[in-house]
C-alpha atoms as a PDB file:
ATOM      1  CA  MET A   1     -55.672  61.739 -71.055  1.00  0.00           C
ATOM      2  CA  GLY A   2     -53.498  62.150 -68.632  1.00  0.00           C
ATOM      3  CA  PHE A   3     -49.862  60.899 -68.708  1.00  0.00           C
ATOM      4  CA  PHE A   4     -51.275  58.116 -65.287  1.00  0.00           C
ATOM      5  CA  ASP A   5     -53.771  57.082 -67.657  1.00  0.00           C
ATOM      6  CA  ARG A   6     -51.528  56.799 -71.153  1.00  0.00           C
ATOM      7  CA  LEU A   7     -49.129  54.633 -68.745  1.00  0.00           C
ATOM      8  CA  LYS A   8     -52.000  52.509 -67.222  1.00  0.00           C
ATOM      9  CA  LYS A   9     -53.006  52.036 -70.843  1.00  0.00           C
ATOM     10  CA  GLY A  10     -49.746  51.022 -71.906  1.00  0.00           C
ATOM     11  CA  LEU A  11     -48.883  48.970 -69.298  1.00  0.00           C
ATOM     12  CA  ASN A  12     -51.702  46.892 -70.339  1.00  0.00           C
ATOM     13  CA  LYS A  13     -50.032  43.784 -71.630  1.00  0.00           C
ATOM     14  CA  THR A  14     -47.319  43.593 -69.313  1.00  0.00           C
ATOM     15  CA  ARG A  15     -50.239  43.631 -66.595  1.00  0.00           C
ATOM     16  CA  GLU A  16     -51.854  40.873 -68.158  1.00  0.00           C
ATOM     17  CA  ASN A  17     -49.086  38.984 -67.814  1.00  0.00           C
ATOM     18  CA  LEU A  18     -47.924  39.551 -64.554  1.00  0.00           C
ATOM     19  CA  THR A  19     -49.783  41.305 -62.115  1.00  0.00           C
ATOM     20  CA  ASN A  20     -53.110  39.076 -63.784  1.00  0.00           C
ATOM     21  CA  LYS A  21     -51.838  36.175 -63.461  1.00  0.00           C
ATOM     22  CA  ILE A  22     -50.893  36.154 -59.963  1.00  0.00           C
ATOM     23  CA  GLU A  23     -54.302  37.567 -59.442  1.00  0.00           C
ATOM     24  CA  LYS A  24     -55.727  34.114 -61.102  1.00  0.00           C
ATOM     25  CA  LEU A  25     -52.781  32.282 -59.155  1.00  0.00           C
ATOM     26  CA  ILE A  26     -54.225  33.271 -55.573  1.00  0.00           C
ATOM     27  CA  ILE A  27     -57.939  32.591 -57.106  1.00  0.00           C
ATOM     28  CA  GLY A  28     -56.722  29.049 -57.622  1.00  0.00           C
ATOM     29  CA  TYR A  29     -55.077  28.406 -53.885  1.00  0.00           C
ATOM     30  CA  ALA A  30     -56.117  28.207 -50.915  1.00  0.00           C
ATOM     31  CA  ASP A  31     -53.090  28.374 -49.187  1.00  0.00           C
ATOM     32  CA  ILE A  32     -49.119  28.906 -49.938  1.00  0.00           C
ATOM     33  CA  ASP A  33     -47.554  25.988 -50.437  1.00  0.00           C
ATOM     34  CA  ASP A  34     -44.288  24.771 -52.577  1.00  0.00           C
ATOM     35  CA  ALA A  35     -46.638  24.243 -56.440  1.00  0.00           C
ATOM     36  CA  PHE A  36     -47.781  27.730 -55.633  1.00  0.00           C
ATOM     37  CA  LEU A  37     -44.502  29.467 -54.747  1.00  0.00           C
ATOM     38  CA  ASP A  38     -43.730  27.786 -58.364  1.00  0.00           C
ATOM     39  CA  GLU A  39     -46.150  28.988 -60.382  1.00  0.00           C
ATOM     40  CA  LEU A  40     -45.438  32.265 -58.865  1.00  0.00           C
ATOM     41  CA  GLU A  41     -41.657  32.480 -59.696  1.00  0.00           C
ATOM     42  CA  GLU A  42     -42.318  30.729 -62.838  1.00  0.00           C
ATOM     43  CA  THR A  43     -44.969  33.981 -63.693  1.00  0.00           C
ATOM     44  CA  LEU A  44     -42.178  36.241 -62.626  1.00  0.00           C
ATOM     45  CA  ILE A  45     -40.211  34.937 -65.015  1.00  0.00           C
ATOM     46  CA  MET A  46     -42.011  34.858 -67.938  1.00  0.00           C
ATOM     47  CA  ALA A  47     -43.086  38.692 -67.407  1.00  0.00           C
ATOM     48  CA  ASP A  48     -39.335  39.093 -67.926  1.00  0.00           C
ATOM     49  CA  VAL A  49     -38.204  40.482 -64.462  1.00  0.00           C
ATOM     50  CA  GLY A  50     -35.337  38.372 -65.237  1.00  0.00           C
ATOM     51  CA  VAL A  51     -34.098  36.159 -62.896  1.00  0.00           C
ATOM     52  CA  THR A  52     -31.936  36.950 -60.417  1.00  0.00           C
ATOM     53  CA  THR A  53     -34.804  40.384 -59.285  1.00  0.00           C
ATOM     54  CA  THR A  54     -36.941  36.919 -59.225  1.00  0.00           C
ATOM     55  CA  GLU A  55     -34.879  35.056 -57.129  1.00  0.00           C
ATOM     56  CA  LYS A  56     -34.531  38.305 -54.534  1.00  0.00           C
ATOM     57  CA  LEU A  57     -38.717  38.673 -55.438  1.00  0.00           C
ATOM     58  CA  MET A  58     -38.817  34.615 -54.211  1.00  0.00           C
ATOM     59  CA  ALA A  59     -36.416  35.295 -51.107  1.00  0.00           C
ATOM     60  CA  ALA A  60     -38.094  38.329 -49.759  1.00  0.00           C
ATOM     61  CA  VAL A  61     -41.629  36.659 -50.347  1.00  0.00           C
ATOM     62  CA  ARG A  62     -40.715  33.716 -48.272  1.00  0.00           C
ATOM     63  CA  LYS A  63     -39.041  35.993 -45.809  1.00  0.00           C
ATOM     64  CA  GLY A  64     -42.498  37.700 -45.582  1.00  0.00           C
ATOM     65  CA  ILE A  65     -44.305  34.504 -45.082  1.00  0.00           C
ATOM     66  CA  LYS A  66     -41.812  33.549 -42.352  1.00  0.00           C
ATOM     67  CA  LYS A  67     -42.360  37.199 -40.485  1.00  0.00           C
ATOM     68  CA  LYS A  68     -46.417  36.724 -40.809  1.00  0.00           C
ATOM     69  CA  GLU A  69     -46.856  39.830 -43.354  1.00  0.00           C
ATOM     70  CA  ILE A  70     -48.114  36.976 -45.829  1.00  0.00           C
ATOM     71  CA  ASN A  71     -50.575  34.229 -44.096  1.00  0.00           C
ATOM     72  CA  SER A  72     -52.749  33.846 -47.331  1.00  0.00           C
ATOM     73  CA  PRO A  73     -52.022  34.661 -51.267  1.00  0.00           C
ATOM     74  CA  GLU A  74     -54.465  37.730 -51.130  1.00  0.00           C
ATOM     75  CA  ASP A  75     -51.543  38.621 -49.301  1.00  0.00           C
ATOM     76  CA  LEU A  76     -49.384  38.458 -51.697  1.00  0.00           C
ATOM     77  CA  LYS A  77     -50.119  41.009 -54.650  1.00  0.00           C
ATOM     78  CA  PRO A  78     -49.633  44.082 -51.819  1.00  0.00           C
ATOM     79  CA  PHE A  79     -46.949  42.652 -50.512  1.00  0.00           C
ATOM     80  CA  LEU A  80     -45.341  41.662 -54.242  1.00  0.00           C
ATOM     81  CA  ALA A  81     -46.014  45.528 -55.361  1.00  0.00           C
ATOM     82  CA  ARG A  82     -44.385  47.085 -52.013  1.00  0.00           C
ATOM     83  CA  GLU A  83     -41.473  44.872 -52.823  1.00  0.00           C
ATOM     84  CA  ILE A  84     -41.111  46.289 -56.844  1.00  0.00           C
ATOM     85  CA  ALA A  85     -42.108  49.682 -55.852  1.00  0.00           C
ATOM     86  CA  GLY A  86     -39.384  49.604 -53.401  1.00  0.00           C
ATOM     87  CA  ILE A  87     -36.927  48.110 -56.150  1.00  0.00           C
ATOM     88  CA  LEU A  88     -37.535  50.985 -58.771  1.00  0.00           C
ATOM     89  CA  GLU A  89     -37.369  54.119 -56.044  1.00  0.00           C
ATOM     90  CA  GLN A  90     -33.293  52.963 -55.468  1.00  0.00           C
ATOM     91  CA  GLY A  91     -31.169  55.527 -56.725  1.00  0.00           C
ATOM     92  CA  GLU A  92     -31.555  58.894 -58.724  1.00  0.00           C
ATOM     93  CA  GLU A  93     -33.904  59.150 -61.576  1.00  0.00           C
ATOM     94  CA  THR A  94     -33.736  62.999 -62.011  1.00  0.00           C
ATOM     95  CA  THR A  95     -32.195  63.506 -65.339  1.00  0.00           C
ATOM     96  CA  ARG A  96     -28.889  65.756 -64.973  1.00  0.00           C
ATOM     97  CA  MET A  97     -29.121  69.398 -65.285  1.00  0.00           C
ATOM     98  CA  ALA A  98     -26.759  72.319 -66.154  1.00  0.00           C
ATOM     99  CA  GLN A  99     -27.226  74.669 -62.931  1.00  0.00           C
ATOM    100  CA  THR A 100     -26.275  77.702 -65.231  1.00  0.00           C
ATOM    101  CA  GLY A 101     -25.731  77.610 -69.168  1.00  0.00           C
ATOM    102  CA  LEU A 102     -25.906  74.920 -71.423  1.00  0.00           C
ATOM    103  CA  THR A 103     -26.776  71.255 -70.721  1.00  0.00           C
ATOM    104  CA  VAL A 104     -25.626  68.768 -73.203  1.00  0.00           C
ATOM    105  CA  MET A 105     -27.347  65.258 -73.386  1.00  0.00           C
ATOM    106  CA  LEU A 106     -25.466  62.383 -74.998  1.00  0.00           C
ATOM    107  CA  VAL A 107     -28.014  59.314 -76.561  1.00  0.00           C
ATOM    108  CA  VAL A 108     -26.515  56.138 -77.360  1.00  0.00           C
ATOM    109  CA  GLY A 109     -28.514  53.089 -77.793  1.00  0.00           C
ATOM    110  CA  VAL A 110     -28.399  50.014 -81.214  1.00  0.00           C
ATOM    111  CA  ASN A 111     -30.858  51.285 -84.488  1.00  0.00           C
ATOM    112  CA  GLY A 112     -34.459  50.148 -83.661  1.00  0.00           C
ATOM    113  CA  ALA A 113     -34.375  50.891 -80.492  1.00  0.00           C
ATOM    114  CA  GLY A 114     -36.042  53.782 -81.066  1.00  0.00           C
ATOM    115  CA  LYS A 115     -32.754  56.300 -80.580  1.00  0.00           C
ATOM    116  CA  THR A 116     -33.590  59.147 -82.785  1.00  0.00           C
ATOM    117  CA  THR A 117     -37.766  59.665 -82.429  1.00  0.00           C
ATOM    118  CA  THR A 118     -36.466  60.039 -78.299  1.00  0.00           C
ATOM    119  CA  ILE A 119     -34.358  62.400 -79.213  1.00  0.00           C
ATOM    120  CA  GLY A 120     -36.547  64.009 -80.961  1.00  0.00           C
ATOM    121  CA  LYS A 121     -39.537  63.822 -78.522  1.00  0.00           C
ATOM    122  CA  LEU A 122     -37.043  64.751 -75.789  1.00  0.00           C
ATOM    123  CA  SER A 123     -36.937  67.947 -78.125  1.00  0.00           C
ATOM    124  CA  ALA A 124     -40.050  68.124 -78.261  1.00  0.00           C
ATOM    125  CA  TYR A 125     -40.682  68.397 -74.449  1.00  0.00           C
ATOM    126  CA  TYR A 126     -38.426  70.441 -73.509  1.00  0.00           C
ATOM    127  CA  ARG A 127     -39.976  72.971 -75.975  1.00  0.00           C
ATOM    128  CA  GLU A 128     -42.757  72.567 -74.383  1.00  0.00           C
ATOM    129  CA  GLN A 129     -41.306  73.703 -71.326  1.00  0.00           C
ATOM    130  CA  GLY A 130     -39.964  77.172 -73.665  1.00  0.00           C
ATOM    131  CA  LYS A 131     -36.602  75.867 -73.690  1.00  0.00           C
ATOM    132  CA  LYS A 132     -33.966  76.467 -76.957  1.00  0.00           C
ATOM    133  CA  VAL A 133     -32.613  73.260 -77.932  1.00  0.00           C
ATOM    134  CA  MET A 134     -30.602  72.083 -80.219  1.00  0.00           C
ATOM    135  CA  LEU A 135     -29.942  68.745 -81.610  1.00  0.00           C
ATOM    136  CA  ALA A 136     -26.767  67.675 -83.251  1.00  0.00           C
ATOM    137  CA  ALA A 137     -26.298  64.798 -85.619  1.00  0.00           C
ATOM    138  CA  ALA A 138     -23.382  62.787 -84.951  1.00  0.00           C
ATOM    139  CA  ASP A 139     -24.381  59.444 -85.672  1.00  0.00           C
ATOM    140  CA  THR A 140     -22.380  60.193 -88.798  1.00  0.00           C
ATOM    141  CA  PHE A 141     -22.891  56.081 -90.341  1.00  0.00           C
ATOM    142  CA  ARG A 142     -26.484  56.327 -91.055  1.00  0.00           C
ATOM    143  CA  ALA A 143     -27.358  58.810 -93.539  1.00  0.00           C
ATOM    144  CA  ALA A 144     -31.118  58.107 -92.791  1.00  0.00           C
ATOM    145  CA  ALA A 145     -30.246  58.578 -88.871  1.00  0.00           C
ATOM    146  CA  ILE A 146     -28.707  62.331 -89.917  1.00  0.00           C
ATOM    147  CA  ASP A 147     -31.671  63.362 -92.089  1.00  0.00           C
ATOM    148  CA  GLN A 148     -34.697  61.586 -89.507  1.00  0.00           C
ATOM    149  CA  LEU A 149     -33.158  64.207 -86.693  1.00  0.00           C
ATOM    150  CA  ALA A 150     -33.219  67.243 -89.111  1.00  0.00           C
ATOM    151  CA  VAL A 151     -36.625  66.643 -89.410  1.00  0.00           C
ATOM    152  CA  TRP A 152     -37.069  66.531 -85.662  1.00  0.00           C
ATOM    153  CA  SER A 153     -35.736  69.683 -85.616  1.00  0.00           C
ATOM    154  CA  GLN A 154     -38.517  70.946 -88.112  1.00  0.00           C
ATOM    155  CA  ARG A 155     -40.619  69.916 -86.516  1.00  0.00           C
ATOM    156  CA  THR A 156     -40.462  70.764 -83.077  1.00  0.00           C
ATOM    157  CA  GLY A 157     -38.449  74.387 -83.556  1.00  0.00           C
ATOM    158  CA  ALA A 158     -35.169  73.215 -82.275  1.00  0.00           C
ATOM    159  CA  SER A 159     -32.275  74.157 -84.145  1.00  0.00           C
ATOM    160  CA  PHE A 160     -29.889  71.706 -85.594  1.00  0.00           C
ATOM    161  CA  ILE A 161     -26.233  70.930 -86.605  1.00  0.00           C
ATOM    162  CA  ARG A 162     -25.241  68.149 -88.893  1.00  0.00           C
ATOM    163  CA  HIS A 163     -21.751  67.179 -90.743  1.00  0.00           C
ATOM    164  CA  GLU A 164     -21.081  64.945 -93.794  1.00  0.00           C
ATOM    165  CA  GLU A 165     -22.496  60.850 -93.727  1.00  0.00           C
ATOM    166  CA  GLY A 166     -19.010  59.509 -91.952  1.00  0.00           C
ATOM    167  CA  SER A 167     -17.735  62.597 -90.551  1.00  0.00           C
ATOM    168  CA  ASP A 168     -15.959  62.430 -87.120  1.00  0.00           C
ATOM    169  CA  PRO A 169     -18.829  61.996 -84.487  1.00  0.00           C
ATOM    170  CA  ALA A 170     -16.342  63.768 -82.042  1.00  0.00           C
ATOM    171  CA  ALA A 171     -16.236  67.081 -84.817  1.00  0.00           C
ATOM    172  CA  VAL A 172     -20.039  67.217 -84.943  1.00  0.00           C
ATOM    173  CA  ALA A 173     -20.060  66.873 -81.311  1.00  0.00           C
ATOM    174  CA  PHE A 174     -17.732  70.285 -81.036  1.00  0.00           C
ATOM    175  CA  ASP A 175     -19.063  72.135 -83.665  1.00  0.00           C
ATOM    176  CA  ALA A 176     -22.546  71.657 -81.579  1.00  0.00           C
ATOM    177  CA  VAL A 177     -21.279  72.554 -78.318  1.00  0.00           C
ATOM    178  CA  LYS A 178     -19.640  76.007 -80.039  1.00  0.00           C
ATOM    179  CA  ALA A 179     -22.846  77.203 -82.094  1.00  0.00           C
ATOM    180  CA  ALA A 180     -25.253  75.910 -78.629  1.00  0.00           C
ATOM    181  CA  ARG A 181     -23.196  78.476 -76.696  1.00  0.00           C
ATOM    182  CA  ALA A 182     -23.129  80.919 -79.486  1.00  0.00           C
ATOM    183  CA  ARG A 183     -26.951  80.541 -79.683  1.00  0.00           C
ATOM    184  CA  ASN A 184     -27.850  80.438 -76.178  1.00  0.00           C
ATOM    185  CA  ILE A 185     -29.071  76.634 -76.438  1.00  0.00           C
ATOM    186  CA  ASP A 186     -30.568  75.789 -73.147  1.00  0.00           C
ATOM    187  CA  ILE A 187     -30.370  71.873 -73.707  1.00  0.00           C
ATOM    188  CA  LEU A 188     -28.183  70.501 -76.645  1.00  0.00           C
ATOM    189  CA  ILE A 189     -28.685  66.890 -77.385  1.00  0.00           C
ATOM    190  CA  VAL A 190     -26.201  64.713 -79.464  1.00  0.00           C
ATOM    191  CA  ASP A 191     -27.507  61.732 -81.217  1.00  0.00           C
ATOM    192  CA  THR A 192     -24.403  59.102 -81.653  1.00  0.00           C
ATOM    193  CA  ALA A 193     -22.988  55.464 -81.376  1.00  0.00           C
ATOM    194  CA  GLY A 194     -25.817  53.806 -82.904  1.00  0.00           C
ATOM    195  CA  ARG A 195     -24.205  50.508 -83.170  1.00  0.00           C
ATOM    196  CA  LEU A 196     -22.236  48.084 -80.858  1.00  0.00           C
ATOM    197  CA  GLN A 197     -20.102  46.001 -83.766  1.00  0.00           C
ATOM    198  CA  THR A 198     -17.546  46.461 -80.903  1.00  0.00           C
ATOM    199  CA  LYS A 199     -16.783  47.552 -77.449  1.00  0.00           C
ATOM    200  CA  ALA A 200     -13.667  49.324 -77.966  1.00  0.00           C
ATOM    201  CA  ASN A 201     -14.535  51.061 -80.341  1.00  0.00           C
ATOM    202  CA  LEU A 202     -17.101  52.333 -79.266  1.00  0.00           C
ATOM    203  CA  MET A 203     -15.295  53.320 -76.065  1.00  0.00           C
ATOM    204  CA  GLU A 204     -13.242  55.246 -78.194  1.00  0.00           C
ATOM    205  CA  GLU A 205     -15.940  57.203 -79.800  1.00  0.00           C
ATOM    206  CA  LEU A 206     -17.660  57.727 -76.555  1.00  0.00           C
ATOM    207  CA  LYS A 207     -14.395  59.205 -74.493  1.00  0.00           C
ATOM    208  CA  LYS A 208     -13.623  61.175 -77.500  1.00  0.00           C
ATOM    209  CA  ILE A 209     -17.136  63.299 -77.349  1.00  0.00           C
ATOM    210  CA  HIS A 210     -16.456  63.171 -73.818  1.00  0.00           C
ATOM    211  CA  ARG A 211     -12.704  64.621 -73.754  1.00  0.00           C
ATOM    212  CA  VAL A 212     -14.143  67.236 -76.566  1.00  0.00           C
ATOM    213  CA  ILE A 213     -17.535  68.451 -74.639  1.00  0.00           C
ATOM    214  CA  SER A 214     -15.808  67.955 -71.423  1.00  0.00           C
ATOM    215  CA  ARG A 215     -13.130  70.561 -72.132  1.00  0.00           C
ATOM    216  CA  GLU A 216     -15.504  73.103 -73.964  1.00  0.00           C
ATOM    217  CA  ILE A 217     -18.118  72.979 -70.868  1.00  0.00           C
ATOM    218  CA  PRO A 218     -16.482  71.557 -67.593  1.00  0.00           C
ATOM    219  CA  GLY A 219     -18.994  68.503 -66.070  1.00  0.00           C
ATOM    220  CA  ALA A 220     -20.772  68.185 -69.199  1.00  0.00           C
ATOM    221  CA  PRO A 221     -22.089  65.729 -70.695  1.00  0.00           C
ATOM    222  CA  HIS A 222     -24.985  65.773 -68.080  1.00  0.00           C
ATOM    223  CA  GLU A 223     -26.289  62.988 -69.073  1.00  0.00           C
ATOM    224  CA  THR A 224     -25.149  60.119 -71.418  1.00  0.00           C
ATOM    225  CA  LEU A 225     -28.221  58.084 -71.956  1.00  0.00           C
ATOM    226  CA  LEU A 226     -29.218  54.501 -73.552  1.00  0.00           C
ATOM    227  CA  VAL A 227     -32.251  53.579 -75.359  1.00  0.00           C
ATOM    228  CA  LEU A 228     -33.911  50.540 -75.179  1.00  0.00           C
ATOM    229  CA  ASP A 229     -36.543  48.825 -76.901  1.00  0.00           C
ATOM    230  CA  ALA A 230     -38.633  46.775 -73.854  1.00  0.00           C
ATOM    231  CA  THR A 231     -40.637  44.978 -76.202  1.00  0.00           C
ATOM    232  CA  THR A 232     -36.717  43.246 -76.260  1.00  0.00           C
ATOM    233  CA  GLY A 233     -37.624  41.668 -72.795  1.00  0.00           C
ATOM    234  CA  GLN A 234     -34.017  40.084 -71.246  1.00  0.00           C
ATOM    235  CA  ASN A 235     -32.559  41.004 -74.577  1.00  0.00           C
ATOM    236  CA  ALA A 236     -32.735  44.898 -73.322  1.00  0.00           C
ATOM    237  CA  VAL A 237     -30.579  44.190 -70.301  1.00  0.00           C
ATOM    238  CA  SER A 238     -28.125  42.056 -71.885  1.00  0.00           C
ATOM    239  CA  GLN A 239     -27.444  45.384 -74.749  1.00  0.00           C
ATOM    240  CA  ALA A 240     -27.531  47.653 -71.393  1.00  0.00           C
ATOM    241  CA  LYS A 241     -24.750  45.518 -69.964  1.00  0.00           C
ATOM    242  CA  LEU A 242     -22.184  45.316 -72.799  1.00  0.00           C
ATOM    243  CA  PHE A 243     -22.979  49.691 -73.163  1.00  0.00           C
ATOM    244  CA  THR A 244     -21.963  49.471 -69.231  1.00  0.00           C
ATOM    245  CA  GLN A 245     -19.375  47.949 -70.260  1.00  0.00           C
ATOM    246  CA  ALA A 246     -18.284  50.099 -72.948  1.00  0.00           C
ATOM    247  CA  ALA A 247     -19.210  54.054 -71.945  1.00  0.00           C
ATOM    248  CA  PRO A 248     -20.426  55.848 -68.720  1.00  0.00           C
ATOM    249  CA  ILE A 249     -23.772  55.541 -68.664  1.00  0.00           C
ATOM    250  CA  SER A 250     -26.008  57.590 -66.455  1.00  0.00           C
ATOM    251  CA  GLY A 251     -29.602  56.310 -66.887  1.00  0.00           C
ATOM    252  CA  VAL A 252     -31.846  54.281 -69.299  1.00  0.00           C
ATOM    253  CA  VAL A 253     -34.230  55.836 -71.640  1.00  0.00           C
ATOM    254  CA  LEU A 254     -36.913  52.328 -72.208  1.00  0.00           C
ATOM    255  CA  THR A 255     -39.239  52.686 -75.268  1.00  0.00           C
ATOM    256  CA  LYS A 256     -41.918  50.831 -76.532  1.00  0.00           C
ATOM    257  CA  LEU A 257     -43.529  49.489 -73.087  1.00  0.00           C
ATOM    258  CA  ASP A 258     -46.526  49.713 -74.719  1.00  0.00           C
ATOM    259  CA  GLY A 259     -46.107  47.485 -77.185  1.00  0.00           C
ATOM    260  CA  THR A 260     -44.655  44.498 -74.829  1.00  0.00           C
ATOM    261  CA  ALA A 261     -45.931  42.202 -72.172  1.00  0.00           C
ATOM    262  CA  LYS A 262     -42.335  42.177 -71.169  1.00  0.00           C
ATOM    263  CA  GLY A 263     -42.692  45.338 -69.086  1.00  0.00           C
ATOM    264  CA  GLY A 264     -40.896  43.828 -66.034  1.00  0.00           C
ATOM    265  CA  VAL A 265     -37.762  44.943 -68.041  1.00  0.00           C
ATOM    266  CA  VAL A 266     -37.848  48.092 -66.095  1.00  0.00           C
ATOM    267  CA  ILE A 267     -37.651  46.412 -62.657  1.00  0.00           C
ATOM    268  CA  SER A 268     -34.809  44.206 -64.123  1.00  0.00           C
ATOM    269  CA  ILE A 269     -32.894  46.866 -65.497  1.00  0.00           C
ATOM    270  CA  LYS A 270     -33.196  48.749 -61.807  1.00  0.00           C
ATOM    271  CA  SER A 271     -32.181  45.694 -59.751  1.00  0.00           C
ATOM    272  CA  GLU A 272     -29.719  44.141 -61.341  1.00  0.00           C
ATOM    273  CA  LEU A 273     -28.037  46.617 -63.213  1.00  0.00           C
ATOM    274  CA  SER A 274     -28.957  49.615 -60.625  1.00  0.00           C
ATOM    275  CA  MET A 275     -29.152  51.679 -63.565  1.00  0.00           C
ATOM    276  CA  PRO A 276     -31.936  54.573 -63.207  1.00  0.00           C
ATOM    277  CA  VAL A 277     -34.373  54.494 -65.743  1.00  0.00           C
ATOM    278  CA  LYS A 278     -34.727  58.514 -66.374  1.00  0.00           C
ATOM    279  CA  TRP A 279     -37.405  58.164 -68.997  1.00  0.00           C
ATOM    280  CA  ILE A 280     -40.369  56.002 -70.550  1.00  0.00           C
ATOM    281  CA  GLY A 281     -42.176  55.517 -73.944  1.00  0.00           C
ATOM    282  CA  VAL A 282     -45.396  53.960 -73.683  1.00  0.00           C
ATOM    283  CA  GLY A 283     -46.844  55.246 -77.723  1.00  0.00           C
ATOM    284  CA  GLU A 284     -46.111  56.472 -80.894  1.00  0.00           C
ATOM    285  CA  LYS A 285     -46.815  60.223 -79.780  1.00  0.00           C
ATOM    286  CA  VAL A 286     -45.153  62.392 -79.185  1.00  0.00           C
ATOM    287  CA  GLU A 287     -46.447  63.315 -75.295  1.00  0.00           C
ATOM    288  CA  ASP A 288     -45.883  59.383 -74.793  1.00  0.00           C
ATOM    289  CA  LEU A 289     -42.162  59.731 -73.579  1.00  0.00           C
ATOM    290  CA  ARG A 290     -41.755  61.158 -69.679  1.00  0.00           C
ATOM    291  CA  PRO A 291     -39.963  61.057 -67.197  1.00  0.00           C
ATOM    292  CA  PHE A 292     -39.971  58.148 -64.836  1.00  0.00           C
ATOM    293  CA  VAL A 293     -41.707  57.981 -61.840  1.00  0.00           C
ATOM    294  CA  PRO A 294     -41.233  54.593 -59.871  1.00  0.00           C
ATOM    295  CA  ASP A 295     -44.458  54.595 -57.909  1.00  0.00           C
ATOM    296  CA  GLU A 296     -46.375  55.983 -60.734  1.00  0.00           C
ATOM    297  CA  PHE A 297     -45.089  52.866 -62.383  1.00  0.00           C
ATOM    298  CA  ALA A 298     -46.074  50.604 -59.652  1.00  0.00           C
ATOM    299  CA  LYS A 299     -49.465  51.536 -59.129  1.00  0.00           C
ATOM    300  CA  ALA A 300     -50.418  51.346 -62.842  1.00  0.00           C
ATOM    301  CA  LEU A 301     -48.818  48.059 -62.824  1.00  0.00           C
ATOM    302  CA  PHE A 302     -51.067  47.062 -59.862  1.00  0.00           C
ATOM    303  CA  GLN A 303     -53.766  48.832 -59.772  1.00  0.00           C
ATOM    304  CA  ASP A 304     -57.192  47.165 -60.488  1.00  0.00           C
END
């Protein structure tokens, strides 16, 4: 099964919650009236598209009706598909890489979002491409996170740098950069910040890591990726807002899309936060984490 088919399968619950409900709504109404529009608005909100994004889409629908782009309920699905694809395609989704030498990625996110597993899958993705990868365990407040990352390094054939539990995360990052350059590593992925107890602490920790890395490699880290659990719906959007206030997040990794009917949160993140979704996870297998391609996502969501 190719990734597009896995994506379609992974979005089954979201499709049932969003596009299938829109189809039932279309069948139930001969004309577009206020009751129809009210039900459409409720359907979008229930699919975790978010209140603000739903308002934008409803404004576009009403404008489409006035401009005669929508003349009947049947016109609505292709219209919404185009509008949502337009939202998803805004901004830059491509993962930034160093033009030469070492690429450094920081990965942040609350515990339980699938952060360490995501790093392991990223390692596998780049190892498949023949890249030399190193993983650095700078989420030093959880011994389990360090041990889990060690297992992923063995499984994917990546190099691994760790300190003792409770060590300074910036010290781990510093040692990892030094070791990565000495070993001609292509991609260094640094696991960090598995908690968001206070924004001030997180900000200081990440600032320090950024300083240490950029001193060694100007322009690094090239990516600071925030891992979010799609099953938490609008809570994921709230988390993203908190993290962006505390750290310079460059993109989102959205995990567990296959386990939720709340896949509309992808649209919400793009629309409300203007934040690129760079990777999505649609299953537990290593190959189920792949770069986010907006038009593929829109097609998988709306295709019969």
